[in-house]
PDB file of N, CA and C in Angstrom:
ATOM      1  N   MET A   1      -7.118 -18.035   1.609  1.00  0.00           N
ATOM      2  CA  MET A   1      -7.132 -16.924   0.692  1.00  0.00           C
ATOM      3  C   MET A   1      -6.793 -15.652   1.464  1.00  0.00           C
ATOM      4  N   CYS A   2      -6.002 -14.805   0.854  1.00  0.00           N
ATOM      5  CA  CYS A   2      -5.608 -13.543   1.464  1.00  0.00           C
ATOM      6  C   CYS A   2      -6.308 -12.396   0.749  1.00  0.00           C
ATOM      7  N   LEU A   3      -6.556 -11.344   1.488  1.00  0.00           N
ATOM      8  CA  LEU A   3      -7.144 -10.155   0.909  1.00  0.00           C
ATOM      9  C   LEU A   3      -6.158  -9.011   1.055  1.00  0.00           C
ATOM     10  N   GLY A   4      -5.696  -8.498  -0.081  1.00  0.00           N
ATOM     11  CA  GLY A   4      -4.818  -7.342  -0.084  1.00  0.00           C
ATOM     12  C   GLY A   4      -5.645  -6.112  -0.395  1.00  0.00           C
ATOM     13  N   ILE A   5      -5.526  -5.084   0.418  1.00  0.00           N
ATOM     14  CA  ILE A   5      -6.271  -3.856   0.248  1.00  0.00           C
ATOM     15  C   ILE A   5      -5.357  -2.811  -0.395  1.00  0.00           C
ATOM     16  N   PRO A   6      -5.794  -2.183  -1.486  1.00  0.00           N
ATOM     17  CA  PRO A   6      -4.958  -1.165  -2.128  1.00  0.00           C
ATOM     18  C   PRO A   6      -4.828   0.089  -1.272  1.00  0.00           C
ATOM     19  N   GLY A   7      -3.635   0.633  -1.251  1.00  0.00           N
ATOM     20  CA  GLY A   7      -3.375   1.882  -0.554  1.00  0.00           C
ATOM     21  C   GLY A   7      -2.231   2.614  -1.224  1.00  0.00           C
ATOM     22  N   LYS A   8      -2.153   3.908  -0.968  1.00  0.00           N
ATOM     23  CA  LYS A   8      -1.099   4.743  -1.558  1.00  0.00           C
ATOM     24  C   LYS A   8      -0.128   5.175  -0.466  1.00  0.00           C
ATOM     25  N   ILE A   9       1.153   4.959  -0.702  1.00  0.00           N
ATOM     26  CA  ILE A   9       2.178   5.362   0.254  1.00  0.00           C
ATOM     27  C   ILE A   9       2.283   6.881   0.234  1.00  0.00           C
ATOM     28  N   THR A  10       2.078   7.497   1.406  1.00  0.00           N
ATOM     29  CA  THR A  10       2.099   8.957   1.493  1.00  0.00           C
ATOM     30  C   THR A  10       3.371   9.498   2.129  1.00  0.00           C
ATOM     31  N   GLU A  11       4.031   8.679   2.931  1.00  0.00           N
ATOM     32  CA  GLU A  11       5.294   9.122   3.537  1.00  0.00           C
ATOM     33  C   GLU A  11       6.086   7.928   4.053  1.00  0.00           C
ATOM     34  N   ILE A  12       7.382   8.127   4.125  1.00  0.00           N
ATOM     35  CA  ILE A  12       8.280   7.132   4.720  1.00  0.00           C
ATOM     36  C   ILE A  12       8.575   7.618   6.129  1.00  0.00           C
ATOM     37  N   THR A  13       8.229   6.817   7.113  1.00  0.00           N
ATOM     38  CA  THR A  13       8.437   7.244   8.499  1.00  0.00           C
ATOM     39  C   THR A  13       9.784   6.778   9.053  1.00  0.00           C
ATOM     40  N   ASP A  14      10.304   5.667   8.533  1.00  0.00           N
ATOM     41  CA  ASP A  14      11.599   5.160   8.986  1.00  0.00           C
ATOM     42  C   ASP A  14      12.185   4.300   7.875  1.00  0.00           C
ATOM     43  N   ALA A  15      13.039   4.897   7.056  1.00  0.00           N
ATOM     44  CA  ALA A  15      13.612   4.185   5.904  1.00  0.00           C
ATOM     45  C   ALA A  15      14.464   2.998   6.346  1.00  0.00           C
ATOM     46  N   LYS A  16      15.197   3.148   7.435  1.00  0.00           N
ATOM     47  CA  LYS A  16      16.066   2.070   7.917  1.00  0.00           C
ATOM     48  C   LYS A  16      15.246   0.848   8.332  1.00  0.00           C
ATOM     49  N   GLN A  17      14.124   1.085   9.029  1.00  0.00           N
ATOM     50  CA  GLN A  17      13.254  -0.006   9.467  1.00  0.00           C
ATOM     51  C   GLN A  17      12.211  -0.373   8.404  1.00  0.00           C
ATOM     52  N   LYS A  18      12.226   0.354   7.285  1.00  0.00           N
ATOM     53  CA  LYS A  18      11.304   0.118   6.158  1.00  0.00           C
ATOM     54  C   LYS A  18       9.842   0.273   6.574  1.00  0.00           C
ATOM     55  N   LEU A  19       9.550   1.414   7.196  1.00  0.00           N
ATOM     56  CA  LEU A  19       8.192   1.718   7.630  1.00  0.00           C
ATOM     57  C   LEU A  19       7.672   2.934   6.880  1.00  0.00           C
ATOM     58  N   ALA A  20       6.407   2.856   6.476  1.00  0.00           N
ATOM     59  CA  ALA A  20       5.784   3.939   5.719  1.00  0.00           C
ATOM     60  C   ALA A  20       4.339   4.108   6.161  1.00  0.00           C
ATOM     61  N   VAL A  21       3.765   5.248   5.807  1.00  0.00           N
ATOM     62  CA  VAL A  21       2.348   5.490   6.037  1.00  0.00           C
ATOM     63  C   VAL A  21       1.628   5.285   4.716  1.00  0.00           C
ATOM     64  N   VAL A  22       0.549   4.504   4.777  1.00  0.00           N
ATOM     65  CA  VAL A  22      -0.260   4.219   3.596  1.00  0.00           C
ATOM     66  C   VAL A  22      -1.663   4.751   3.834  1.00  0.00           C
ATOM     67  N   ASP A  23      -2.219   5.399   2.812  1.00  0.00           N
ATOM     68  CA  ASP A  23      -3.589   5.897   2.864  1.00  0.00           C
ATOM     69  C   ASP A  23      -4.477   4.892   2.150  1.00  0.00           C
ATOM     70  N   VAL A  24      -5.422   4.340   2.884  1.00  0.00           N
ATOM     71  CA  VAL A  24      -6.386   3.387   2.330  1.00  0.00           C
ATOM     72  C   VAL A  24      -7.766   4.002   2.492  1.00  0.00           C
ATOM     73  N   GLY A  25      -8.273   4.596   1.430  1.00  0.00           N
ATOM     74  CA  GLY A  25      -9.604   5.194   1.479  1.00  0.00           C
ATOM     75  C   GLY A  25      -9.763   6.255   2.544  1.00  0.00           C
ATOM     76  N   GLY A  26      -8.729   7.048   2.774  1.00  0.00           N
ATOM     77  CA  GLY A  26      -8.789   8.101   3.777  1.00  0.00           C
ATOM     78  C   GLY A  26      -8.288   7.688   5.156  1.00  0.00           C
ATOM     79  N   VAL A  27      -8.071   6.410   5.365  1.00  0.00           N
ATOM     80  CA  VAL A  27      -7.534   5.918   6.634  1.00  0.00           C
ATOM     81  C   VAL A  27      -6.028   5.734   6.455  1.00  0.00           C
ATOM     82  N   ARG A  28      -5.277   6.387   7.333  1.00  0.00           N
ATOM     83  CA  ARG A  28      -3.814   6.304   7.247  1.00  0.00           C
ATOM     84  C   ARG A  28      -3.295   5.379   8.341  1.00  0.00           C
ATOM     85  N   ARG A  29      -2.394   4.472   7.927  1.00  0.00           N
ATOM     86  CA  ARG A  29      -1.806   3.586   8.924  1.00  0.00           C
ATOM     87  C   ARG A  29      -0.381   3.243   8.517  1.00  0.00           C
ATOM     88  N   GLN A  30       0.411   2.905   9.513  1.00  0.00           N
ATOM     89  CA  GLN A  30       1.797   2.547   9.259  1.00  0.00           C
ATOM     90  C   GLN A  30       1.884   1.101   8.794  1.00  0.00           C
ATOM     91  N   VAL A  31       2.700   0.866   7.774  1.00  0.00           N
ATOM     92  CA  VAL A  31       2.912  -0.484   7.274  1.00  0.00           C
ATOM     93  C   VAL A  31       4.403  -0.716   7.043  1.00  0.00           C
ATOM     94  N   ASN A  32       4.766  -1.970   6.978  1.00  0.00           N
ATOM     95  CA  ASN A  32       6.124  -2.372   6.676  1.00  0.00           C
ATOM     96  C   ASN A  32       6.239  -2.521   5.164  1.00  0.00           C
ATOM     97  N   ILE A  33       7.262  -1.918   4.548  1.00  0.00           N
ATOM     98  CA  ILE A  33       7.433  -1.968   3.095  1.00  0.00           C
ATOM     99  C   ILE A  33       8.620  -2.832   2.671  1.00  0.00           C
ATOM    100  N   ALA A  34       9.108  -3.683   3.571  1.00  0.00           N
ATOM    101  CA  ALA A  34      10.289  -4.502   3.273  1.00  0.00           C
ATOM    102  C   ALA A  34      10.102  -5.385   2.043  1.00  0.00           C
ATOM    103  N   CYS A  35       8.882  -5.821   1.783  1.00  0.00           N
ATOM    104  CA  CYS A  35       8.629  -6.716   0.643  1.00  0.00           C
ATOM    105  C   CYS A  35       8.698  -6.015  -0.706  1.00  0.00           C
ATOM    106  N   ILE A  36       8.657  -4.689  -0.723  1.00  0.00           N
ATOM    107  CA  ILE A  36       8.621  -3.989  -2.017  1.00  0.00           C
ATOM    108  C   ILE A  36       9.858  -3.138  -2.286  1.00  0.00           C
ATOM    109  N   VAL A  37      10.830  -3.146  -1.381  1.00  0.00           N
ATOM    110  CA  VAL A  37      12.030  -2.339  -1.609  1.00  0.00           C
ATOM    111  C   VAL A  37      13.205  -3.227  -1.981  1.00  0.00           C
ATOM    112  N   ASP A  38      14.092  -2.666  -2.779  1.00  0.00           N
ATOM    113  CA  ASP A  38      15.343  -3.331  -3.150  1.00  0.00           C
ATOM    114  C   ASP A  38      16.317  -2.239  -3.593  1.00  0.00           C
ATOM    115  N   GLU A  39      17.454  -2.619  -4.117  1.00  0.00           N
ATOM    116  CA  GLU A  39      18.465  -1.638  -4.515  1.00  0.00           C
ATOM    117  C   GLU A  39      17.970  -0.716  -5.625  1.00  0.00           C
ATOM    118  N   GLN A  40      17.147  -1.229  -6.533  1.00  0.00           N
ATOM    119  CA  GLN A  40      16.630  -0.420  -7.631  1.00  0.00           C
ATOM    120  C   GLN A  40      15.448   0.455  -7.204  1.00  0.00           C
ATOM    121  N   HIS A  41      14.773   0.102  -6.125  1.00  0.00           N
ATOM    122  CA  HIS A  41      13.605   0.841  -5.641  1.00  0.00           C
ATOM    123  C   HIS A  41      13.705   0.964  -4.116  1.00  0.00           C
ATOM    124  N   PRO A  42      14.598   1.862  -3.637  1.00  0.00           N
ATOM    125  CA  PRO A  42      14.790   2.001  -2.180  1.00  0.00           C
ATOM    126  C   PRO A  42      13.563   2.624  -1.508  1.00  0.00           C
ATOM    127  N   ALA A  43      13.514   2.523  -0.196  1.00  0.00           N
ATOM    128  CA  ALA A  43      12.375   3.008   0.587  1.00  0.00           C
ATOM    129  C   ALA A  43      12.030   4.451   0.260  1.00  0.00           C
ATOM    130  N   GLU A  44      13.024   5.293   0.139  1.00  0.00           N
ATOM    131  CA  GLU A  44      12.791   6.719  -0.091  1.00  0.00           C
ATOM    132  C   GLU A  44      12.037   6.990  -1.390  1.00  0.00           C
ATOM    133  N   SER A  45      12.114   6.077  -2.347  1.00  0.00           N
ATOM    134  CA  SER A  45      11.464   6.291  -3.650  1.00  0.00           C
ATOM    135  C   SER A  45      10.036   5.741  -3.693  1.00  0.00           C
ATOM    136  N   CYS A  46       9.529   5.219  -2.591  1.00  0.00           N
ATOM    137  CA  CYS A  46       8.212   4.575  -2.576  1.00  0.00           C
ATOM    138  C   CYS A  46       7.036   5.539  -2.393  1.00  0.00           C
ATOM    139  N   VAL A  47       7.304   6.776  -1.994  1.00  0.00           N
ATOM    140  CA  VAL A  47       6.207   7.730  -1.800  1.00  0.00           C
ATOM    141  C   VAL A  47       5.475   7.908  -3.128  1.00  0.00           C
ATOM    142  N   GLY A  48       4.153   7.743  -3.073  1.00  0.00           N
ATOM    143  CA  GLY A  48       3.326   7.843  -4.269  1.00  0.00           C
ATOM    144  C   GLY A  48       2.993   6.502  -4.888  1.00  0.00           C
ATOM    145  N   ASP A  49       3.695   5.447  -4.475  1.00  0.00           N
ATOM    146  CA  ASP A  49       3.416   4.108  -5.002  1.00  0.00           C
ATOM    147  C   ASP A  49       2.084   3.590  -4.472  1.00  0.00           C
ATOM    148  N   TRP A  50       1.354   2.886  -5.317  1.00  0.00           N
ATOM    149  CA  TRP A  50       0.165   2.148  -4.894  1.00  0.00           C
ATOM    150  C   TRP A  50       0.604   0.737  -4.562  1.00  0.00           C
ATOM    151  N   VAL A  51       0.127   0.219  -3.441  1.00  0.00           N
ATOM    152  CA  VAL A  51       0.534  -1.105  -2.987  1.00  0.00           C
ATOM    153  C   VAL A  51      -0.671  -1.892  -2.487  1.00  0.00           C
ATOM    154  N   LEU A  52      -0.528  -3.214  -2.434  1.00  0.00           N
ATOM    155  CA  LEU A  52      -1.522  -4.066  -1.786  1.00  0.00           C
ATOM    156  C   LEU A  52      -1.045  -4.323  -0.365  1.00  0.00           C
ATOM    157  N   VAL A  53      -1.889  -4.010   0.600  1.00  0.00           N
ATOM    158  CA  VAL A  53      -1.536  -4.146   2.018  1.00  0.00           C
ATOM    159  C   VAL A  53      -2.270  -5.340   2.598  1.00  0.00           C
ATOM    160  N   HIS A  54      -1.518  -6.179   3.305  1.00  0.00           N
ATOM    161  CA  HIS A  54      -2.091  -7.339   3.991  1.00  0.00           C
ATOM    162  C   HIS A  54      -1.404  -7.473   5.341  1.00  0.00           C
ATOM    163  N   VAL A  55      -2.180  -7.513   6.397  1.00  0.00           N
ATOM    164  CA  VAL A  55      -1.726  -7.636   7.789  1.00  0.00           C
ATOM    165  C   VAL A  55      -0.510  -6.759   8.117  1.00  0.00           C
ATOM    166  N   GLY A  56      -0.576  -5.499   7.702  1.00  0.00           N
ATOM    167  CA  GLY A  56       0.464  -4.543   8.054  1.00  0.00           C
ATOM    168  C   GLY A  56       1.684  -4.533   7.166  1.00  0.00           C
ATOM    169  N   PHE A  57       1.642  -5.266   6.065  1.00  0.00           N
ATOM    170  CA  PHE A  57       2.764  -5.311   5.127  1.00  0.00           C
ATOM    171  C   PHE A  57       2.300  -4.902   3.737  1.00  0.00           C
ATOM    172  N   ALA A  58       3.091  -4.083   3.065  1.00  0.00           N
ATOM    173  CA  ALA A  58       2.865  -3.795   1.652  1.00  0.00           C
ATOM    174  C   ALA A  58       3.458  -4.980   0.895  1.00  0.00           C
ATOM    175  N   MET A  59       2.588  -5.782   0.296  1.00  0.00           N
ATOM    176  CA  MET A  59       3.032  -7.039  -0.323  1.00  0.00           C
ATOM    177  C   MET A  59       3.612  -6.850  -1.726  1.00  0.00           C
ATOM    178  N   ASN A  60       3.028  -5.943  -2.519  1.00  0.00           N
ATOM    179  CA  ASN A  60       3.568  -5.643  -3.834  1.00  0.00           C
ATOM    180  C   ASN A  60       2.988  -4.333  -4.355  1.00  0.00           C
ATOM    181  N   ARG A  61       3.691  -3.763  -5.336  1.00  0.00           N
ATOM    182  CA  ARG A  61       3.226  -2.535  -5.976  1.00  0.00           C
ATOM    183  C   ARG A  61       2.203  -2.879  -7.049  1.00  0.00           C
ATOM    184  N   ILE A  62       1.227  -1.988  -7.220  1.00  0.00           N
ATOM    185  CA  ILE A  62       0.230  -2.131  -8.285  1.00  0.00           C
ATOM    186  C   ILE A  62       0.073  -0.770  -8.946  1.00  0.00           C
ATOM    187  N   ASN A  63      -0.562  -0.768 -10.122  1.00  0.00           N
ATOM    188  CA  ASN A  63      -0.767   0.527 -10.765  1.00  0.00           C
ATOM    189  C   ASN A  63      -2.025   1.195 -10.217  1.00  0.00           C
ATOM    190  N   GLU A  64      -2.137   2.489 -10.440  1.00  0.00           N
ATOM    191  CA  GLU A  64      -3.230   3.274  -9.873  1.00  0.00           C
ATOM    192  C   GLU A  64      -4.594   2.808 -10.377  1.00  0.00           C
ATOM    193  N   GLU A  65      -4.688   2.468 -11.640  1.00  0.00           N
ATOM    194  CA  GLU A  65      -5.972   2.015 -12.196  1.00  0.00           C
ATOM    195  C   GLU A  65      -6.440   0.726 -11.516  1.00  0.00           C
ATOM    196  N   GLU A  66      -5.532  -0.211 -11.351  1.00  0.00           N
ATOM    197  CA  GLU A  66      -5.867  -1.459 -10.669  1.00  0.00           C
ATOM    198  C   GLU A  66      -6.327  -1.184  -9.230  1.00  0.00           C
ATOM    199  N   ALA A  67      -5.649  -0.257  -8.565  1.00  0.00           N
ATOM    200  CA  ALA A  67      -6.020   0.098  -7.194  1.00  0.00           C
ATOM    201  C   ALA A  67      -7.428   0.669  -7.145  1.00  0.00           C
ATOM    202  N   LYS A  68      -7.741   1.582  -8.058  1.00  0.00           N
ATOM    203  CA  LYS A  68      -9.063   2.218  -8.059  1.00  0.00           C
ATOM    204  C   LYS A  68     -10.176   1.217  -8.345  1.00  0.00           C
ATOM    205  N   VAL A  69      -9.943   0.307  -9.290  1.00  0.00           N
ATOM    206  CA  VAL A  69     -10.953  -0.714  -9.611  1.00  0.00           C
ATOM    207  C   VAL A  69     -11.189  -1.610  -8.402  1.00  0.00           C
ATOM    208  N   THR A  70     -10.128  -2.025  -7.749  1.00  0.00           N
ATOM    209  CA  THR A  70     -10.250  -2.897  -6.581  1.00  0.00           C
ATOM    210  C   THR A  70     -10.967  -2.192  -5.437  1.00  0.00           C
ATOM    211  N   LEU A  71     -10.622  -0.923  -5.178  1.00  0.00           N
ATOM    212  CA  LEU A  71     -11.286  -0.174  -4.123  1.00  0.00           C
ATOM    213  C   LEU A  71     -12.778  -0.016  -4.418  1.00  0.00           C
ATOM    214  N   GLN A  72     -13.119   0.207  -5.681  1.00  0.00           N
ATOM    215  CA  GLN A  72     -14.524   0.340  -6.064  1.00  0.00           C
ATOM    216  C   GLN A  72     -15.274  -0.972  -5.834  1.00  0.00           C
ATOM    217  N   LEU A  73     -14.661  -2.091  -6.199  1.00  0.00           N
ATOM    218  CA  LEU A  73     -15.283  -3.396  -5.988  1.00  0.00           C
ATOM    219  C   LEU A  73     -15.490  -3.681  -4.497  1.00  0.00           C
ATOM    220  N   LEU A  74     -14.493  -3.358  -3.678  1.00  0.00           N
ATOM    221  CA  LEU A  74     -14.616  -3.558  -2.239  1.00  0.00           C
ATOM    222  C   LEU A  74     -15.729  -2.693  -1.655  1.00  0.00           C
ATOM    223  N   GLU A  75     -15.842  -1.464  -2.142  1.00  0.00           N
ATOM    224  CA  GLU A  75     -16.911  -0.587  -1.673  1.00  0.00           C
ATOM    225  C   GLU A  75     -18.283  -1.134  -2.059  1.00  0.00           C
ATOM    226  N   GLU A  76     -18.400  -1.673  -3.265  1.00  0.00           N
ATOM    227  CA  GLU A  76     -19.662  -2.263  -3.705  1.00  0.00           C
ATOM    228  C   GLU A  76     -20.042  -3.470  -2.843  1.00  0.00           C
ATOM    229  N   LEU A  77     -19.052  -4.266  -2.451  1.00  0.00           N
ATOM    230  CA  LEU A  77     -19.319  -5.421  -1.586  1.00  0.00           C
ATOM    231  C   LEU A  77     -19.842  -4.973  -0.226  1.00  0.00           C
ATOM    232  N   VAL A  78     -19.245  -3.931   0.316  1.00  0.00           N
ATOM    233  CA  VAL A  78     -19.660  -3.426   1.627  1.00  0.00           C
ATOM    234  C   VAL A  78     -21.081  -2.862   1.569  1.00  0.00           C
ATOM    235  N   ASN A  79     -21.414  -2.204   0.483  1.00  0.00           N
ATOM    236  CA  ASN A  79     -22.717  -1.548   0.369  1.00  0.00           C
ATOM    237  C   ASN A  79     -23.825  -2.427  -0.196  1.00  0.00           C
ATOM    238  N   SER A  80     -23.534  -3.671  -0.493  1.00  0.00           N
ATOM    239  CA  SER A  80     -24.590  -4.530  -1.054  1.00  0.00           C
ATOM    240  C   SER A  80     -25.267  -5.368   0.016  1.00  0.00           C
TER     241      SER A  80
END
């Protein structure tokens, strides 16, 4: 089983290499966005997208509501 953590793409650091910075609960880290870009959604257009991050890769885009619910559930697990 894999765990994808929701994060919001805040900047593209290298569009050619498909690298971006994602904010996950205030922690910013560089991730690879190759799995979520294509001709209709190039790297430059990903800023502001919510994504599921797993082992340094943005695996897919999700909506903001889904991201917030998931982050809340993860926080509840940590605090229980």
